Amino acid sequence: MASFSTQNESIPTMTPDEIAQEERIIKLHDLIEQNIIIEQEVEGKPFEDSVTAIENIIRKANTIVKGYEQRQTNSLELVLDTELLRRNHEVIGKAIQCSSTITDTMFCKAISDVVCDADGTEDWDKLCGIALKYGRSLFTNTSILPFIDVKPKEHIPKQRSQRPKKTNVEEKRPSTSHKLERKDEGSAVVSNIHKEIKMIYKAGNCQPIPFFKLIIDPDNFMNTVHNALNVSFLVRENVISISKGVDGLPQVGVVTNPTEIADNEPLQNICRIDAKLWQRFIKHYNIKKPMLTSFKNAES
């Protein structure tokens, strides 16, 4: 026959204070149940019987919770004591409402007779003096503070400084622009670009060259900007001209006789170009390689 061995499980032992605390909690539960029964029967019983039953519960509760100052408090015990106190108050109020001998008017008149003098002056300290005879001091604990109806502190929002709103300004070109001067260090590049344009112009049977197709470097946006700037110098020097093409886009032509327009006021073409416009004309002209390479070669 097989033998089985048993092992006693260790049961945690409670201290005398913990045992007494559990007993008080059980007794408070019992008093709350008695209070519920009294509340259910308050309409069918005389007012004196309901008050006497509540007085008995209060006496028992005072005995149970007596000595809060000398022992460590338990939050559950405090909550049950507070709940019982609230229920006792509600039962008394319900008993007063159900009693045919005491009405709200009679109750208010009784209070008025106590606090009001013959001349109509109110002195509520008289009522407090009567209540203090039947009241008792209670030990309070921060754990029951949530049950107290405290008006929250009013939060006053801070005034924020008003910031002026920024308005979107429509982009406008200046009516007059400053003329860009051709620097000495860029003279060689501008001269080389002029030679390139003349070669391209002759190779195309002296047909106007699309402006954006001429200046755009599909691999480098900044080179495109520099090409546009250098072309503007050539326009100012009256060696090339810019006109409107059939498609409505600008086109570049070589000035064959600069002396014919030398007496006129010099003009300078300053073109606004951004990355979006750059990408647009790369696709429009299907540009794979730049037509102007002088600036690119000078950088390398």
Protein backbone atom coordinates (compact mmCIF):
# COMPACT_ATOMS: atom_id res chain seq x y z
CA MET A 1 0.00 0.00 0.00
CA ALA A 2 1.35 3.36 -0.97
CA SER A 3 1.87 5.81 1.82
CA PHE A 4 1.05 9.46 1.50
CA SER A 5 2.70 12.23 3.46
CA THR A 6 0.91 15.43 4.36
CA GLN A 7 2.50 18.79 5.00
CA ASN A 8 0.82 21.34 7.23
CA GLU A 9 0.37 24.64 5.49
CA SER A 10 1.51 27.66 7.49
CA ILE A 11 -1.50 29.77 8.47
CA PRO A 12 -0.63 33.40 9.22
CA THR A 13 -1.52 34.31 12.78
CA MET A 14 -3.23 37.61 13.62
CA THR A 15 -2.24 39.89 16.43
CA PRO A 16 -4.77 40.71 19.15
CA ASP A 17 -5.15 44.24 17.76
CA GLU A 18 -5.92 42.86 14.29
CA ILE A 19 -8.49 40.44 15.72
CA ALA A 20 -10.18 43.26 17.64
CA GLN A 21 -10.18 45.38 14.50
CA GLU A 22 -11.90 42.65 12.46
CA GLU A 23 -14.53 42.27 15.20
CA ARG A 24 -15.27 46.01 15.13
CA ILE A 25 -15.65 45.95 11.34
CA ILE A 26 -18.10 43.03 11.56
CA LYS A 27 -20.14 44.83 14.26
CA LEU A 28 -20.31 48.00 12.15
CA HIS A 29 -21.58 45.92 9.21
CA ASP A 30 -24.29 44.48 11.47
CA LEU A 31 -25.35 47.96 12.62
CA ILE A 32 -25.62 49.15 9.01
CA GLU A 33 -27.88 46.16 8.23
CA GLN A 34 -30.05 47.03 11.25
CA ASN A 35 -30.23 50.61 9.99
CA ILE A 36 -31.44 49.40 6.59
CA ILE A 37 -34.21 47.36 8.26
CA ILE A 38 -35.31 50.36 10.34
CA GLU A 39 -35.41 52.54 7.22
CA GLN A 40 -37.62 50.00 5.42
CA GLU A 41 -40.10 49.95 8.34
CA VAL A 42 -40.04 53.67 9.20
CA GLU A 43 -43.25 54.46 7.29
CA GLY A 44 -45.28 51.89 9.23
CA LYS A 45 -43.95 52.66 12.71
CA PRO A 46 -44.54 55.57 15.06
CA PHE A 47 -41.96 58.32 15.08
CA GLU A 48 -40.89 57.55 18.66
CA ASP A 49 -40.12 53.90 17.82
CA SER A 50 -37.91 54.86 14.87
CA VAL A 51 -36.00 57.42 16.94
CA THR A 52 -35.52 54.94 19.79
CA ALA A 53 -34.17 52.30 17.38
CA ILE A 54 -31.70 54.78 15.89
CA GLU A 55 -30.61 55.87 19.38
CA ASN A 56 -29.79 52.26 20.24
CA ILE A 57 -27.68 51.95 17.07
CA ILE A 58 -25.84 55.17 17.91
CA ARG A 59 -25.04 53.93 21.44
CA LYS A 60 -23.67 50.66 20.09
CA ALA A 61 -21.64 52.50 17.45
CA ASN A 62 -20.16 54.82 20.09
CA THR A 63 -19.04 51.80 22.08
CA ILE A 64 -17.48 50.14 19.03
CA VAL A 65 -15.54 53.14 17.73
CA LYS A 66 -14.53 54.41 21.15
CA GLY A 67 -10.78 54.85 21.56
CA TYR A 68 -9.70 56.00 18.07
CA GLU A 69 -7.09 58.21 19.70
CA GLN A 70 -5.32 55.32 21.44
CA ARG A 71 -5.08 52.86 18.57
CA GLN A 72 -4.00 52.67 14.95
CA THR A 73 -6.93 53.47 12.68
CA ASN A 74 -8.11 51.42 9.73
CA SER A 75 -9.53 53.13 6.66
CA LEU A 76 -12.33 50.56 6.21
CA GLU A 77 -13.38 51.00 9.83
CA LEU A 78 -13.55 54.77 9.42
CA VAL A 79 -15.54 54.49 6.20
CA LEU A 80 -18.09 52.15 7.81
CA ASP A 81 -18.47 54.48 10.80
CA THR A 82 -19.04 57.43 8.46
CA GLU A 83 -21.54 55.47 6.37
CA LEU A 84 -23.49 54.48 9.48
CA LEU A 85 -23.59 58.09 10.66
CA ARG A 86 -24.93 59.21 7.28
CA ARG A 87 -27.62 56.51 7.24
CA ASN A 88 -28.75 57.36 10.77
CA HIS A 89 -29.22 60.97 9.73
CA GLU A 90 -31.27 59.95 6.67
CA VAL A 91 -33.52 57.64 8.70
CA ILE A 92 -34.29 60.38 11.21
CA GLY A 93 -35.09 62.77 8.36
CA LYS A 94 -37.37 60.20 6.74
CA ALA A 95 -39.10 59.54 10.07
CA ILE A 96 -39.75 63.26 10.52
CA GLN A 97 -41.27 63.49 7.03
CA CYS A 98 -43.50 60.46 7.62
CA SER A 99 -44.69 61.67 11.02
CA SER A 100 -48.11 63.31 10.97
CA THR A 101 -47.42 65.24 14.16
CA ILE A 102 -44.30 67.09 12.94
CA THR A 103 -44.36 69.00 9.66
CA ASP A 104 -41.73 71.09 7.94
CA THR A 105 -43.57 74.23 8.98
CA MET A 106 -43.63 73.15 12.62
CA PHE A 107 -39.96 72.25 12.48
CA CYS A 108 -38.99 75.62 10.99
CA LYS A 109 -41.15 77.44 13.56
CA ALA A 110 -39.49 75.57 16.42
CA ILE A 111 -36.06 76.60 15.17
CA SER A 112 -37.24 80.18 14.65
CA ASP A 113 -38.55 80.35 18.22
CA VAL A 114 -35.12 79.34 19.52
CA VAL A 115 -32.85 81.55 17.42
CA CYS A 116 -35.03 84.66 17.06
CA ASP A 117 -35.43 87.24 19.83
CA ALA A 118 -38.55 89.24 20.48
CA ASP A 119 -37.34 92.04 18.23
CA GLY A 120 -36.63 89.58 15.38
CA THR A 121 -32.83 89.48 15.81
CA GLU A 122 -31.35 86.07 14.99
CA ASP A 123 -28.88 84.46 17.38
CA TRP A 124 -27.81 81.05 16.03
CA ASP A 125 -25.42 80.52 18.93
CA LYS A 126 -28.46 79.53 21.02
CA LEU A 127 -29.16 76.59 18.72
CA CYS A 128 -25.49 75.61 18.75
CA GLY A 129 -25.55 75.59 22.56
CA ILE A 130 -28.46 73.16 22.54
CA ALA A 131 -26.86 70.90 19.93
CA LEU A 132 -23.55 70.73 21.80
CA LYS A 133 -25.27 69.08 24.77
CA TYR A 134 -26.15 66.08 22.62
CA GLY A 135 -23.10 66.05 20.36
CA ARG A 136 -19.77 64.35 20.90
CA SER A 137 -16.28 65.03 19.61
CA LEU A 138 -15.04 62.64 16.95
CA PHE A 139 -11.51 61.67 16.00
CA THR A 140 -10.92 62.67 12.37
CA ASN A 141 -8.63 61.07 9.82
CA THR A 142 -7.51 62.24 6.40
CA SER A 143 -8.88 59.04 4.86
CA ILE A 144 -12.46 60.26 5.33
CA LEU A 145 -11.87 63.69 3.85
CA PRO A 146 -13.30 62.60 0.45
CA PHE A 147 -16.69 62.18 2.16
CA ILE A 148 -16.77 65.83 3.19
CA ASP A 149 -18.46 68.12 0.71
CA VAL A 150 -15.81 70.78 0.22
CA LYS A 151 -16.23 73.45 -2.40
CA PRO A 152 -13.24 73.23 -4.73
CA LYS A 153 -10.97 76.21 -5.00
CA GLU A 154 -11.93 78.36 -7.94
CA HIS A 155 -9.30 78.26 -10.63
CA ILE A 156 -8.67 81.62 -12.24
CA PRO A 157 -7.03 81.18 -15.65
CA LYS A 158 -4.03 83.33 -16.33
CA GLN A 159 -4.38 86.05 -18.89
CA ARG A 160 -2.31 85.28 -21.94
CA SER A 161 -0.66 88.07 -23.79
CA GLN A 162 -2.30 88.82 -27.10
CA ARG A 163 0.00 88.25 -30.01
CA PRO A 164 -0.69 90.03 -33.28
CA LYS A 165 -1.73 87.67 -36.02
CA LYS A 166 0.52 87.42 -39.01
CA THR A 167 -1.23 88.10 -42.28
CA ASN A 168 -0.19 86.39 -45.46
CA VAL A 169 1.18 89.02 -47.80
CA GLU A 170 0.78 88.49 -51.50
CA GLU A 171 4.10 88.15 -53.26
CA LYS A 172 4.86 91.19 -55.39
CA ARG A 173 7.74 92.05 -57.62
CA PRO A 174 9.39 95.42 -57.02
CA SER A 175 8.55 98.12 -59.53
CA THR A 176 12.25 98.94 -59.80
CA SER A 177 15.11 96.54 -59.15
CA HIS A 178 18.73 97.19 -58.43
CA LYS A 179 21.05 96.46 -61.31
CA LEU A 180 23.41 93.61 -60.64
CA GLU A 181 26.98 94.51 -61.41
CA ARG A 182 29.26 92.12 -63.24
CA LYS A 183 32.23 91.37 -60.98
CA ASP A 184 35.75 91.01 -62.28
CA GLU A 185 36.14 87.46 -61.01
CA GLY A 186 33.08 86.42 -63.07
CA SER A 187 34.02 88.23 -66.27
CA ALA A 188 35.70 85.18 -67.76
CA VAL A 189 32.68 82.98 -67.04
CA VAL A 190 30.28 85.53 -68.56
CA SER A 191 32.47 85.86 -71.66
CA ASN A 192 32.60 82.08 -72.07
CA ILE A 193 28.82 81.85 -71.70
CA HIS A 194 28.47 84.53 -74.36
CA LYS A 195 30.63 82.46 -76.71
CA GLU A 196 28.58 79.33 -75.96
CA ILE A 197 25.32 81.13 -76.69
CA LYS A 198 26.64 82.39 -80.03
CA MET A 199 27.78 78.87 -80.97
CA ILE A 200 24.39 77.38 -80.02
CA TYR A 201 22.63 80.20 -81.86
CA LYS A 202 24.62 79.57 -85.07
CA ALA A 203 24.22 75.79 -84.77
CA GLY A 204 20.45 76.32 -84.68
CA ASN A 205 20.39 78.35 -87.90
CA CYS A 206 20.18 81.58 -85.93
CA GLN A 207 16.82 80.61 -84.46
CA PRO A 208 15.89 81.96 -81.02
CA ILE A 209 16.78 79.64 -78.13
CA PRO A 210 14.17 78.96 -75.42
CA PHE A 211 15.36 80.86 -72.36
CA PHE A 212 14.68 78.17 -69.74
CA LYS A 213 16.06 75.42 -71.95
CA LEU A 214 19.25 77.47 -72.27
CA ILE A 215 19.90 78.22 -68.60
CA ILE A 216 18.66 75.03 -66.89
CA ASP A 217 21.14 72.49 -65.55
CA PRO A 218 19.01 69.41 -64.78
CA ASP A 219 21.59 68.09 -62.32
CA ASN A 220 22.20 71.27 -60.30
CA PHE A 221 19.67 73.92 -59.37
CA MET A 222 22.32 76.43 -58.23
CA ASN A 223 24.08 76.21 -61.59
CA THR A 224 20.76 77.12 -63.18
CA VAL A 225 20.49 80.20 -60.96
CA HIS A 226 24.04 81.29 -61.85
CA ASN A 227 23.36 80.77 -65.55
CA ALA A 228 20.29 83.01 -65.32
CA LEU A 229 22.36 85.65 -63.53
CA ASN A 230 25.14 85.57 -66.12
CA VAL A 231 22.63 85.78 -68.98
CA SER A 232 21.18 88.89 -67.31
CA PHE A 233 24.63 90.50 -67.51
CA LEU A 234 24.76 89.78 -71.24
CA VAL A 235 21.30 91.30 -71.72
CA ARG A 236 22.44 94.44 -69.90
CA GLU A 237 25.49 94.67 -72.17
CA ASN A 238 23.22 94.49 -75.25
CA VAL A 239 24.97 91.43 -76.68
CA ILE A 240 21.92 89.17 -76.41
CA SER A 241 18.22 89.92 -76.32
CA ILE A 242 15.20 88.27 -74.77
CA SER A 243 11.79 88.30 -76.44
CA LYS A 244 8.48 86.52 -76.11
CA GLY A 245 8.15 83.38 -78.20
CA VAL A 246 5.16 81.93 -80.01
CA ASP A 247 4.43 79.65 -77.05
CA GLY A 248 4.39 82.66 -74.71
CA LEU A 249 7.69 81.72 -73.08
CA PRO A 250 10.86 83.84 -73.21
CA GLN A 251 13.46 83.12 -75.87
CA VAL A 252 17.07 84.28 -76.34
CA GLY A 253 18.57 85.76 -79.48
CA VAL A 254 22.04 87.09 -80.31
CA VAL A 255 22.31 90.81 -81.11
CA THR A 256 24.14 91.03 -84.44
CA ASN A 257 24.67 94.80 -84.36
CA PRO A 258 24.96 96.07 -80.75
CA THR A 259 25.70 99.63 -81.91
CA GLU A 260 22.12 100.05 -83.13
CA ILE A 261 20.80 99.92 -79.57
CA ALA A 262 23.85 101.27 -77.78
CA ASP A 263 22.24 104.69 -77.37
CA ASN A 264 19.18 103.21 -75.67
CA GLU A 265 19.02 102.87 -71.88
CA PRO A 266 20.57 99.55 -70.93
CA LEU A 267 18.16 96.90 -69.65
CA GLN A 268 18.85 93.97 -67.42
CA ASN A 269 16.74 90.81 -67.27
CA ILE A 270 16.35 89.48 -63.74
CA CYS A 271 14.39 86.23 -63.77
CA ARG A 272 12.71 84.71 -60.74
CA ILE A 273 13.20 80.94 -60.69
CA ASP A 274 12.54 78.44 -57.92
CA ALA A 275 12.86 74.69 -57.55
CA LYS A 276 9.26 74.09 -58.63
CA LEU A 277 9.70 76.12 -61.82
CA TRP A 278 13.05 74.41 -62.41
CA GLN A 279 11.47 70.94 -62.26
CA ARG A 280 8.59 72.06 -64.44
CA PHE A 281 10.75 73.18 -67.37
CA ILE A 282 13.06 70.17 -67.08
CA LYS A 283 10.01 68.04 -67.88
CA HIS A 284 8.63 70.56 -70.39
CA TYR A 285 11.78 70.55 -72.55
CA ASN A 286 12.84 67.01 -71.59
CA ILE A 287 16.28 68.32 -70.64
CA LYS A 288 18.89 65.61 -70.07
CA LYS A 289 22.09 67.70 -70.23
CA PRO A 290 22.78 71.40 -69.68
CA MET A 291 23.34 73.57 -72.77
CA LEU A 292 25.64 75.98 -70.90
CA THR A 293 28.69 74.38 -69.28
CA SER A 294 31.04 77.32 -68.70
CA PHE A 295 30.03 77.93 -65.09
CA LYS A 296 29.96 74.22 -64.36
CA ASN A 297 33.48 73.78 -65.78
CA ALA A 298 34.73 76.85 -63.90
CA GLU A 299 33.57 75.34 -60.58
CA SER A 300 35.26 72.03 -61.29
